[in-house]
Amino acid sequence: SKIDKNRPDSVNELWLTNVSPSEIVANGPYRLVSYVMDQKVVLEKNPHYWRVDRFGNQLPYFDKLEYLIVKDDEVRLAKFMAGEIDYMAITARDFPMLKSRELAGGPFTVFRAQPTQPTPSPVHIAFNFDVENKELRELFRNTEFRRAMEYLLDRERIIDEVYNGLAIPGAGLVLPANKAFYNPKIESILRAYNPQKANEILDSLGLKDKNGDKIREFTSGKNVEFTLTVQNSPQDYQDVALIFKEDLEKAGIKVNLQILDGTLVGNMFGAGNFEAGVRAFGNQPDLELRKAIWQPGTQLYYWHYSTLDKENLLAITKNMFDWEKRLYDLFDLGSITTDQAKRKVIYDEVQEIYHDVLPVIFVSKGMNLFGASKTLGNVSQDKDGIVYFSSYTTYRLK
């Protein structure tokens, strides 16, 4: 395949699944040998790779590397326990069982580390500022309402029940392990679970149960009710949604849970066709790399799409709240500022705004959990809890 200079979108036709692997350029430790749709990717050692170990041996050590595509969590777990998979990320649900198997002499080691990587993606809850229903739209745009919602978010319970204690609260924008950009002040802004405060705020907004049916009403007399949309996988998204729904309904807000296929949910969010939702985006070490998500007026700022001219991909600042305009300016300033100390100040303010006015409500971020066969060498964890593994430096122990 070649790029047609008269048709720029032809770049999307390069290196599709029907292209011979020999046509695909590789400058890393491995190069593509084959791809079997929905089954596996096979790589071979790149003989021209430039890295060597401290003894002068060319890397990588393995001649072949296979990535198995196993969509079913239980099947993937069984393959790992049977030794058919050497290294993989594991879930918080499976960690206790695997750790006990390891300690009982199992053929693998499981590692737990503080979050340092983009995945598992931190879960957040979003309310659609442009929702069609006028009363919900006005409510969702109210910062005090979103603060009440955070007071109804029981992060401790979620971390305990959903993640087996293997997660940290919030952590949506910048991870605590990111010393270059993390702002510790947000820990004092984060609102702990407090149904009493939530109820006080909801009362002050005029949302009261006037007919004794345990559901609050708008001043119009209609129930305060919305649909919370979540994808059917991974399971923790649904579990978070169920706990959140339970606490909201105790506070008099009716929540209709909508669990759908992940692709469909992504399309709905991308079209702004939802009321409230549970979603997740991975972290990056520098917020500049997530500007397309967290800056108002961008393609993935999906809870307030009226800030974006989708046809021309331009921000519509007149549709932004004052705090959104500030975020917009801060992200642009961060893009052109080269002094590290000044960039830290800029992104500190971004984090404070996000946790104060809550464009979205960050729930939690799972710890880094991995399992590795004991037959692999160069897999370790240091005293700070950082797990070290690389496909080009690991090898098979004899």
Protein backbone atom coordinates (compact mmCIF):
# COMPACT_ATOMS: atom_id res chain seq x y z
CA SER A 1 0.00 0.00 0.00
CA LYS A 2 1.13 3.53 -0.73
CA ILE A 3 -0.05 6.95 0.33
CA ASP A 4 -2.04 8.74 -2.36
CA LYS A 5 -0.87 12.37 -2.20
CA ASN A 6 -4.18 13.48 -3.65
CA ARG A 7 -6.11 11.65 -0.93
CA PRO A 8 -4.66 12.33 2.55
CA ASP A 9 -7.00 9.84 4.23
CA SER A 10 -5.22 7.04 2.34
CA VAL A 11 -2.79 6.97 5.25
CA ASN A 12 -5.51 5.04 7.10
CA GLU A 13 -5.19 2.22 4.57
CA LEU A 14 -1.55 1.52 5.37
CA TRP A 15 -0.62 -1.59 7.32
CA LEU A 16 -4.07 -3.11 7.63
CA THR A 17 -4.49 -6.72 8.72
CA ASN A 18 -4.24 -7.95 5.12
CA VAL A 19 -0.80 -6.37 4.60
CA SER A 20 2.22 -8.65 4.55
CA PRO A 21 4.26 -8.32 7.78
CA SER A 22 7.36 -7.79 5.65
CA GLU A 23 5.96 -4.40 4.58
CA ILE A 24 5.65 -3.12 8.15
CA VAL A 25 8.63 -1.12 9.36
CA ALA A 26 10.06 -2.05 12.76
CA ASN A 27 12.83 -0.21 14.61
CA GLY A 28 12.21 -1.74 18.04
CA PRO A 29 13.45 -4.97 19.64
CA TYR A 30 10.94 -7.12 17.73
CA ARG A 31 9.31 -7.15 14.32
CA LEU A 32 5.97 -8.53 13.22
CA VAL A 33 5.78 -12.08 11.90
CA SER A 34 2.04 -12.70 11.85
CA TYR A 35 -1.29 -11.54 13.19
CA VAL A 36 -4.20 -13.93 13.65
CA MET A 37 -7.40 -11.94 14.10
CA ASP A 38 -8.71 -12.12 17.68
CA GLN A 39 -6.18 -14.84 18.55
CA LYS A 40 -2.57 -13.71 18.71
CA VAL A 41 0.24 -11.47 17.51
CA VAL A 42 3.59 -13.15 16.79
CA LEU A 43 6.84 -11.14 16.85
CA GLU A 44 10.42 -12.17 16.15
CA LYS A 45 13.73 -10.73 17.28
CA ASN A 46 14.87 -7.75 15.22
CA PRO A 47 18.48 -8.61 14.25
CA HIS A 48 19.22 -4.92 13.66
CA TYR A 49 18.08 -3.68 17.08
CA TRP A 50 20.68 -1.36 18.59
CA ARG A 51 20.50 -2.15 22.31
CA VAL A 52 22.98 -4.46 24.01
CA ASP A 53 23.31 -5.59 27.62
CA ARG A 54 26.24 -4.66 29.86
CA PHE A 55 28.21 -7.63 28.54
CA GLY A 56 27.73 -6.62 24.92
CA ASN A 57 25.06 -9.21 24.11
CA GLN A 58 22.48 -7.98 21.65
CA LEU A 59 18.96 -7.55 22.96
CA PRO A 60 16.33 -8.90 23.07
CA TYR A 61 17.18 -12.29 24.53
CA PHE A 62 14.09 -14.07 23.21
CA ASP A 63 13.95 -15.03 19.52
CA LYS A 64 10.15 -15.00 19.46
CA LEU A 65 7.40 -13.26 21.39
CA GLU A 66 3.70 -14.06 21.29
CA TYR A 67 0.86 -11.87 22.55
CA LEU A 68 -2.26 -13.96 23.07
CA ILE A 69 -5.60 -12.21 22.60
CA VAL A 70 -7.91 -13.75 25.20
CA LYS A 71 -11.08 -11.75 25.70
CA ASP A 72 -12.59 -13.92 28.43
CA ASP A 73 -11.15 -13.08 31.87
CA GLU A 74 -11.63 -16.58 33.25
CA VAL A 75 -9.97 -18.25 30.27
CA ARG A 76 -7.05 -15.83 30.45
CA LEU A 77 -6.63 -16.54 34.16
CA ALA A 78 -6.72 -20.29 33.56
CA LYS A 79 -4.07 -20.02 30.85
CA PHE A 80 -1.80 -18.05 33.16
CA MET A 81 -2.19 -20.55 36.00
CA ALA A 82 -1.50 -23.41 33.57
CA GLY A 83 1.73 -21.77 32.40
CA GLU A 84 0.46 -20.95 28.91
CA ILE A 85 0.92 -17.23 29.59
CA ASP A 86 4.21 -16.06 31.13
CA TYR A 87 3.34 -12.49 32.07
CA MET A 88 0.12 -10.51 32.32
CA ALA A 89 -1.76 -7.86 34.23
CA ILE A 90 -4.11 -9.36 36.82
CA THR A 91 -7.29 -8.05 38.38
CA ALA A 92 -7.80 -7.00 41.98
CA ARG A 93 -10.49 -9.68 42.18
CA ASP A 94 -7.98 -12.43 41.32
CA PHE A 95 -5.01 -11.06 43.27
CA PRO A 96 -5.75 -12.68 46.69
CA MET A 97 -6.23 -16.13 45.19
CA LEU A 98 -3.12 -15.90 43.02
CA LYS A 99 -1.03 -14.58 45.90
CA SER A 100 -2.08 -17.47 48.11
CA ARG A 101 -1.21 -19.90 45.30
CA GLU A 102 2.19 -18.25 44.93
CA LEU A 103 2.90 -18.49 48.67
CA ALA A 104 1.87 -22.15 48.58
CA GLY A 105 4.60 -22.83 46.02
CA GLY A 106 2.84 -21.96 42.78
CA PRO A 107 4.88 -21.57 39.58
CA PHE A 108 4.39 -17.81 39.35
CA THR A 109 4.99 -14.58 41.28
CA VAL A 110 2.40 -11.85 41.62
CA PHE A 111 3.38 -8.23 42.15
CA ARG A 112 1.51 -5.31 43.69
CA ALA A 113 2.69 -1.74 43.16
CA GLN A 114 1.39 1.78 43.60
CA PRO A 115 -0.11 3.10 40.35
CA THR A 116 2.58 4.37 38.02
CA GLN A 117 1.18 3.51 34.58
CA PRO A 118 -1.66 4.71 32.31
CA THR A 119 -3.62 1.51 33.00
CA PRO A 120 -5.71 0.36 34.71
CA SER A 121 -7.54 3.52 33.75
CA PRO A 122 -8.96 5.56 36.66
CA VAL A 123 -12.75 5.49 36.70
CA HIS A 124 -14.76 8.72 36.68
CA ILE A 125 -18.42 9.72 36.72
CA ALA A 126 -19.67 12.34 34.27
CA PHE A 127 -22.92 14.30 34.05
CA ASN A 128 -23.89 15.54 30.60
CA PHE A 129 -23.99 19.35 30.71
CA ASP A 130 -25.84 19.33 27.37
CA VAL A 131 -28.44 16.69 28.19
CA GLU A 132 -31.73 17.22 26.36
CA ASN A 133 -33.88 17.32 29.50
CA LYS A 134 -33.91 20.99 30.56
CA GLU A 135 -34.25 20.35 34.30
CA LEU A 136 -31.43 17.80 34.32
CA ARG A 137 -29.28 20.09 32.18
CA GLU A 138 -29.65 22.93 34.66
CA LEU A 139 -28.98 20.55 37.56
CA PHE A 140 -25.92 18.89 36.04
CA ARG A 141 -24.38 22.28 35.29
CA ASN A 142 -24.74 23.29 38.93
CA THR A 143 -21.42 22.90 40.74
CA GLU A 144 -23.13 22.45 44.11
CA PHE A 145 -25.08 19.50 42.74
CA ARG A 146 -21.87 17.82 41.54
CA ARG A 147 -20.31 18.42 44.94
CA ALA A 148 -23.31 16.72 46.54
CA MET A 149 -22.73 13.80 44.17
CA GLU A 150 -19.15 13.51 45.34
CA TYR A 151 -20.33 13.45 48.95
CA LEU A 152 -22.50 10.47 47.95
CA LEU A 153 -19.57 8.62 46.38
CA ASP A 154 -18.30 6.05 48.89
CA ARG A 155 -14.76 5.61 47.61
CA GLU A 156 -13.67 3.61 50.67
CA ARG A 157 -16.42 1.05 50.11
CA ILE A 158 -15.66 0.89 46.39
CA ILE A 159 -11.95 0.34 47.00
CA ASP A 160 -12.70 -2.32 49.60
CA GLU A 161 -15.48 -4.21 47.81
CA VAL A 162 -14.64 -3.71 44.14
CA TYR A 163 -10.85 -3.61 44.25
CA ASN A 164 -10.09 -5.75 47.31
CA GLY A 165 -8.38 -2.73 48.83
CA LEU A 166 -6.00 -2.60 45.86
CA ALA A 167 -6.73 0.91 44.62
CA ILE A 168 -6.25 4.55 45.56
CA PRO A 169 -8.95 7.26 45.65
CA GLY A 170 -9.25 9.85 42.90
CA ALA A 171 -6.01 9.88 40.89
CA GLY A 172 -7.71 10.84 37.65
CA LEU A 173 -5.46 13.59 36.32
CA VAL A 174 -2.01 13.02 37.80
CA LEU A 175 -0.83 10.05 39.86
CA PRO A 176 0.66 10.62 43.34
CA ALA A 177 3.76 8.75 42.15
CA ASN A 178 4.32 11.47 39.54
CA LYS A 179 6.57 13.75 41.59
CA ALA A 180 7.06 16.13 38.66
CA PHE A 181 3.41 17.20 38.40
CA TYR A 182 1.29 15.81 41.23
CA ASN A 183 -0.34 18.46 43.42
CA PRO A 184 -0.81 17.06 46.98
CA LYS A 185 -3.23 19.89 47.76
CA ILE A 186 -6.00 18.00 45.99
CA GLU A 187 -6.02 15.48 48.85
CA SER A 188 -7.55 18.17 51.05
CA ILE A 189 -10.05 19.14 48.33
CA LEU A 190 -11.26 15.59 47.72
CA ARG A 191 -14.65 15.24 49.44
CA ALA A 192 -15.05 12.19 51.64
CA TYR A 193 -18.29 10.23 51.72
CA ASN A 194 -20.79 12.29 53.73
CA PRO A 195 -24.50 11.66 52.98
CA GLN A 196 -25.55 14.30 55.51
CA LYS A 197 -23.71 17.06 53.67
CA ALA A 198 -25.03 15.77 50.37
CA ASN A 199 -28.60 15.89 51.63
CA GLU A 200 -28.12 19.41 52.96
CA ILE A 201 -26.92 20.58 49.54
CA LEU A 202 -29.75 18.82 47.72
CA ASP A 203 -32.27 20.40 50.10
CA SER A 204 -30.74 23.84 49.51
CA LEU A 205 -31.20 23.33 45.75
CA GLY A 206 -34.92 22.91 46.29
CA LEU A 207 -34.84 19.19 45.52
CA LYS A 208 -37.17 17.76 48.16
CA ASP A 209 -39.46 14.78 48.58
CA LYS A 210 -42.83 16.45 48.78
CA ASN A 211 -45.10 13.43 48.40
CA GLY A 212 -43.38 10.96 50.74
CA ASP A 213 -42.37 8.42 48.07
CA LYS A 214 -38.66 8.74 49.02
CA ILE A 215 -37.80 10.37 45.69
CA ARG A 216 -36.91 14.04 45.51
CA GLU A 217 -38.76 16.26 43.08
CA PHE A 218 -37.86 19.29 41.00
CA THR A 219 -39.88 22.43 41.66
CA SER A 220 -42.00 21.33 38.68
CA GLY A 221 -43.07 18.27 40.64
CA LYS A 222 -41.22 15.81 38.41
CA ASN A 223 -38.96 13.22 40.02
CA VAL A 224 -35.21 13.86 40.17
CA GLU A 225 -34.32 10.89 37.99
CA PHE A 226 -31.66 10.09 35.41
CA THR A 227 -30.06 7.18 33.56
CA LEU A 228 -26.51 6.16 34.44
CA THR A 229 -24.85 4.48 31.44
CA VAL A 230 -21.94 2.07 31.83
CA GLN A 231 -20.25 -0.45 29.56
CA ASN A 232 -20.50 -4.16 30.31
CA SER A 233 -16.76 -4.71 30.64
CA PRO A 234 -14.60 -4.46 32.70
CA GLN A 235 -16.72 -5.63 35.61
CA ASP A 236 -15.44 -2.97 38.03
CA TYR A 237 -17.18 -0.23 36.01
CA GLN A 238 -20.52 -1.91 36.64
CA ASP A 239 -19.69 -2.51 40.31
CA VAL A 240 -18.84 1.16 40.81
CA ALA A 241 -22.08 2.18 39.11
CA LEU A 242 -24.15 -0.16 41.31
CA ILE A 243 -22.68 1.19 44.55
CA PHE A 244 -23.10 4.80 43.39
CA LYS A 245 -26.72 4.11 42.36
CA GLU A 246 -27.44 2.59 45.77
CA ASP A 247 -26.18 5.63 47.66
CA LEU A 248 -27.94 8.11 45.38
CA GLU A 249 -31.24 6.34 45.86
CA LYS A 250 -30.81 6.47 49.64
CA ALA A 251 -30.54 10.25 49.17
CA GLY A 252 -33.76 10.36 47.15
CA ILE A 253 -32.41 10.42 43.60
CA LYS A 254 -33.74 7.74 41.28
CA VAL A 255 -31.08 6.20 39.06
CA ASN A 256 -31.82 3.92 36.09
CA LEU A 257 -28.73 1.82 35.40
CA GLN A 258 -28.07 1.16 31.70
CA ILE A 259 -25.42 -1.52 31.01
CA LEU A 260 -24.51 -1.83 27.32
CA ASP A 261 -21.79 -3.11 24.99
CA GLY A 262 -18.58 -1.10 25.32
CA THR A 263 -18.50 -0.02 21.67
CA LEU A 264 -22.07 1.21 21.82
CA VAL A 265 -21.40 3.11 25.04
CA GLY A 266 -18.32 4.73 23.51
CA ASN A 267 -20.38 5.83 20.52
CA MET A 268 -23.10 7.22 22.79
CA PHE A 269 -20.62 9.25 24.82
CA GLY A 270 -18.93 10.43 21.62
CA ALA A 271 -22.27 11.68 20.33
CA GLY A 272 -23.21 13.27 23.65
CA ASN A 273 -26.20 10.90 23.76
CA PHE A 274 -26.34 10.10 27.47
CA GLU A 275 -27.48 11.62 30.77
CA ALA A 276 -24.79 10.43 33.18
CA GLY A 277 -22.09 7.84 32.75
CA VAL A 278 -19.18 5.89 34.16
CA ARG A 279 -16.03 5.96 32.05
CA ALA A 280 -12.23 5.85 32.32
CA PHE A 281 -9.23 7.38 30.58
CA GLY A 282 -5.63 6.34 31.23
CA ASN A 283 -3.13 8.63 32.95
CA GLN A 284 -0.05 10.11 31.32
CA PRO A 285 3.04 11.57 33.02
CA ASP A 286 2.43 15.02 31.50
CA LEU A 287 -1.04 16.60 31.27
CA GLU A 288 -0.11 17.94 27.84
CA LEU A 289 -0.53 14.35 26.65
CA ARG A 290 -4.14 14.37 27.89
CA LYS A 291 -5.03 17.85 26.67
CA ALA A 292 -7.48 16.39 24.12
CA ILE A 293 -9.52 14.99 27.02
CA TRP A 294 -9.33 17.47 29.88
CA GLN A 295 -9.21 20.81 28.04
CA PRO A 296 -12.70 22.23 27.42
CA GLY A 297 -13.60 22.49 23.74
CA THR A 298 -11.71 19.35 22.68
CA GLN A 299 -12.86 16.12 21.04
CA LEU A 300 -12.96 13.99 24.19
CA TYR A 301 -14.42 16.61 26.55
CA TYR A 302 -17.61 14.63 26.05
CA TRP A 303 -19.68 15.89 29.01
CA HIS A 304 -19.87 19.43 27.56
CA TYR A 305 -19.70 19.12 23.78
CA SER A 306 -21.39 22.47 23.22
CA THR A 307 -17.94 23.96 23.90
CA LEU A 308 -16.70 22.38 20.64
CA ASP A 309 -17.40 23.20 17.02
CA LYS A 310 -17.23 19.59 15.84
CA GLU A 311 -17.18 20.46 12.15
CA ASN A 312 -14.11 22.69 12.39
CA LEU A 313 -12.71 21.22 15.63
CA LEU A 314 -12.52 24.64 17.23
CA ALA A 315 -13.35 25.61 20.80
CA ILE A 316 -16.45 27.72 21.43
CA THR A 317 -15.35 29.75 24.43
CA LYS A 318 -18.63 31.68 24.67
CA ASN A 319 -20.30 28.41 25.72
CA MET A 320 -17.82 27.81 28.53
CA PHE A 321 -18.26 28.54 32.20
CA ASP A 322 -15.69 30.89 33.70
CA TRP A 323 -13.82 28.00 35.29
CA GLU A 324 -13.77 26.22 31.93
CA LYS A 325 -12.31 29.30 30.27
CA ARG A 326 -9.61 29.27 32.92
CA LEU A 327 -8.90 25.59 32.24
CA TYR A 328 -8.80 26.29 28.51
CA ASP A 329 -6.23 29.06 29.00
CA LEU A 330 -4.14 27.01 31.43
CA PHE A 331 -3.83 24.08 29.03
CA ASP A 332 -2.79 26.40 26.20
CA LEU A 333 -0.29 28.08 28.51
CA GLY A 334 1.10 24.71 29.56
CA SER A 335 1.65 23.81 25.90
CA ILE A 336 3.97 26.74 25.27
CA THR A 337 5.74 26.97 28.63
CA THR A 338 9.13 25.26 28.78
CA ASP A 339 10.22 26.09 32.32
CA GLN A 340 9.47 23.03 34.46
CA ALA A 341 8.72 24.98 37.65
CA LYS A 342 6.26 27.23 35.82
CA ARG A 343 4.56 24.25 34.17
CA LYS A 344 4.16 22.66 37.60
CA VAL A 345 2.34 25.79 38.84
CA ILE A 346 0.06 25.73 35.78
CA TYR A 347 -0.90 22.08 36.17
CA ASP A 348 -1.26 22.44 39.93
CA GLU A 349 -4.08 24.90 39.27
CA VAL A 350 -5.65 22.58 36.68
CA GLN A 351 -5.79 19.80 39.27
CA GLU A 352 -7.27 22.11 41.91
CA ILE A 353 -10.02 23.30 39.56
CA TYR A 354 -10.92 19.77 38.53
CA HIS A 355 -11.22 18.58 42.11
CA ASP A 356 -13.05 21.68 43.29
CA VAL A 357 -15.74 22.27 40.66
CA LEU A 358 -15.82 18.65 39.43
CA PRO A 359 -16.26 18.66 35.65
CA VAL A 360 -16.15 14.91 36.31
CA ILE A 361 -15.86 13.04 39.62
CA PHE A 362 -12.80 10.82 39.84
CA VAL A 363 -13.54 7.59 41.69
CA SER A 364 -10.39 5.50 42.04
CA LYS A 365 -7.37 4.05 40.29
CA GLY A 366 -6.38 0.41 40.61
CA MET A 367 -2.88 -0.51 41.69
CA ASN A 368 -0.44 -2.05 39.23
CA LEU A 369 -0.97 -5.80 39.58
CA PHE A 370 1.07 -8.26 37.53
CA GLY A 371 1.77 -11.95 37.43
CA ALA A 372 4.98 -13.48 36.07
CA SER A 373 6.10 -17.06 35.57
CA LYS A 374 8.98 -18.06 37.83
CA THR A 375 10.76 -19.27 34.70
CA LEU A 376 11.33 -15.66 33.60
CA GLY A 377 14.50 -13.80 34.54
CA ASN A 378 14.95 -10.06 35.04
CA VAL A 379 11.51 -9.59 36.61
CA SER A 380 11.79 -7.81 39.94
CA GLN A 381 10.37 -5.24 42.35
CA ASP A 382 12.44 -2.61 44.17
CA LYS A 383 12.05 -1.31 47.73
CA ASP A 384 9.78 1.50 46.47
CA GLY A 385 7.41 -1.05 44.97
CA ILE A 386 8.24 -0.39 41.31
CA VAL A 387 7.97 -3.55 39.18
CA TYR A 388 10.64 -3.96 36.52
CA PHE A 389 9.82 -6.01 33.45
CA SER A 390 10.64 -5.55 29.79
CA SER A 391 10.05 -7.92 26.90
CA TYR A 392 13.53 -7.21 25.55
CA THR A 393 15.49 -7.80 28.77
CA THR A 394 13.68 -10.80 30.21
CA TYR A 395 14.87 -14.34 29.44
CA ARG A 396 14.05 -17.95 30.22
CA LEU A 397 15.71 -19.34 33.33
CA LYS A 398 17.27 -22.77 32.92
